[in-house]
């Protein structure tokens, strides 16, 4: 699974929580990616960290990660694009 976080601190926090809660076997963090997107009719560019979340199919298939996010903080919902 792929997700983005708005900062390296958020990426680390999300990654540690996913691994501690056994929802991911491993999370790779790729810092300083640049995202280009359209927002309210304007072309925008911003820095983010990419999360490569390695999960077992059984956990992903049962949407455990999505349920975990729903119980988490608001920023987790915003930055984990599931």
Protein backbone atom coordinates (compact mmCIF):
# COMPACT_ATOMS: atom_id res chain seq x y z
CA UNK A 1 0.00 0.00 0.00
CA UNK A 2 1.13 3.55 -0.61
CA UNK A 3 0.34 6.59 1.48
CA UNK A 4 1.71 10.08 1.90
CA UNK A 5 2.34 12.20 4.96
CA UNK A 6 2.78 15.95 5.11
CA UNK A 7 6.02 15.75 7.09
CA UNK A 8 8.76 13.35 8.09
CA UNK A 9 7.50 13.46 11.68
CA UNK A 10 4.01 12.39 10.63
CA UNK A 11 5.44 9.66 8.42
CA UNK A 12 7.49 8.26 11.30
CA UNK A 13 4.56 8.41 13.73
CA UNK A 14 2.21 6.64 11.32
CA UNK A 15 4.84 4.02 10.44
CA UNK A 16 5.64 3.17 14.05
CA UNK A 17 1.96 2.91 14.96
CA UNK A 18 1.20 0.61 12.01
CA UNK A 19 4.06 -1.72 12.91
CA UNK A 20 3.36 -1.65 16.67
CA UNK A 21 -0.31 -2.46 16.06
CA UNK A 22 0.82 -5.31 13.77
CA UNK A 23 -1.03 -3.88 10.80
CA UNK A 24 2.17 -3.67 8.77
CA UNK A 25 5.20 -5.89 8.74
CA UNK A 26 7.37 -3.01 7.61
CA UNK A 27 6.97 0.56 6.41
CA UNK A 28 9.51 2.26 4.16
CA UNK A 29 9.65 6.06 4.34
CA UNK A 30 10.82 7.96 1.27
CA UNK A 31 11.40 11.57 2.37
CA UNK A 32 11.10 14.70 0.30
CA UNK A 33 8.95 13.65 -2.61
CA UNK A 34 7.29 16.42 -4.57
CA UNK A 35 3.61 16.13 -5.37
CA UNK A 36 1.94 18.12 -8.14
CA UNK A 37 -1.83 18.37 -7.97
CA UNK A 38 -4.79 20.60 -8.72
CA UNK A 39 -6.53 22.27 -5.79
CA UNK A 40 -9.49 24.61 -6.23
CA UNK A 41 -8.67 25.16 -9.88
CA UNK A 42 -5.00 26.00 -9.24
CA UNK A 43 -1.95 23.91 -10.00
CA UNK A 44 -0.10 23.27 -6.72
CA UNK A 45 3.18 21.68 -5.71
CA UNK A 46 4.14 20.44 -2.26
CA UNK A 47 6.68 18.36 -0.37
CA UNK A 48 5.54 15.11 1.26
CA UNK A 49 6.96 11.84 2.55
CA UNK A 50 5.95 8.64 0.80
CA UNK A 51 5.06 5.59 2.90
CA UNK A 52 5.38 2.15 1.38
CA UNK A 53 3.33 0.01 3.75
CA UNK A 54 4.01 -3.72 3.55
CA UNK A 55 1.01 -5.70 4.75
CA UNK A 56 -0.06 -9.30 4.55
CA UNK A 57 -2.91 -9.88 2.12
CA UNK A 58 -5.10 -11.31 4.89
CA UNK A 59 -4.85 -8.06 6.84
CA UNK A 60 -5.30 -5.83 3.81
CA UNK A 61 -8.09 -7.97 2.40
CA UNK A 62 -10.11 -7.59 5.60
CA UNK A 63 -9.59 -3.82 5.66
CA UNK A 64 -7.98 -3.89 9.09
CA UNK A 65 -5.82 -0.93 8.21
CA UNK A 66 -8.83 1.19 7.23
CA UNK A 67 -10.58 0.35 10.49
CA UNK A 68 -7.44 1.28 12.42
CA UNK A 69 -7.27 4.63 10.64
CA UNK A 70 -10.92 5.36 11.43
CA UNK A 71 -10.12 5.01 15.14
CA UNK A 72 -7.00 7.20 14.86
CA UNK A 73 -6.29 10.90 14.83
CA UNK A 74 -7.82 13.20 12.24
CA UNK A 75 -4.48 13.81 10.50
CA UNK A 76 -4.04 10.07 9.98
CA UNK A 77 -7.31 10.05 8.07
CA UNK A 78 -6.15 12.96 5.95
CA UNK A 79 -2.74 11.59 5.07
CA UNK A 80 -3.41 7.87 4.67
CA UNK A 81 -5.15 7.70 1.32
CA UNK A 82 -6.79 4.30 1.54
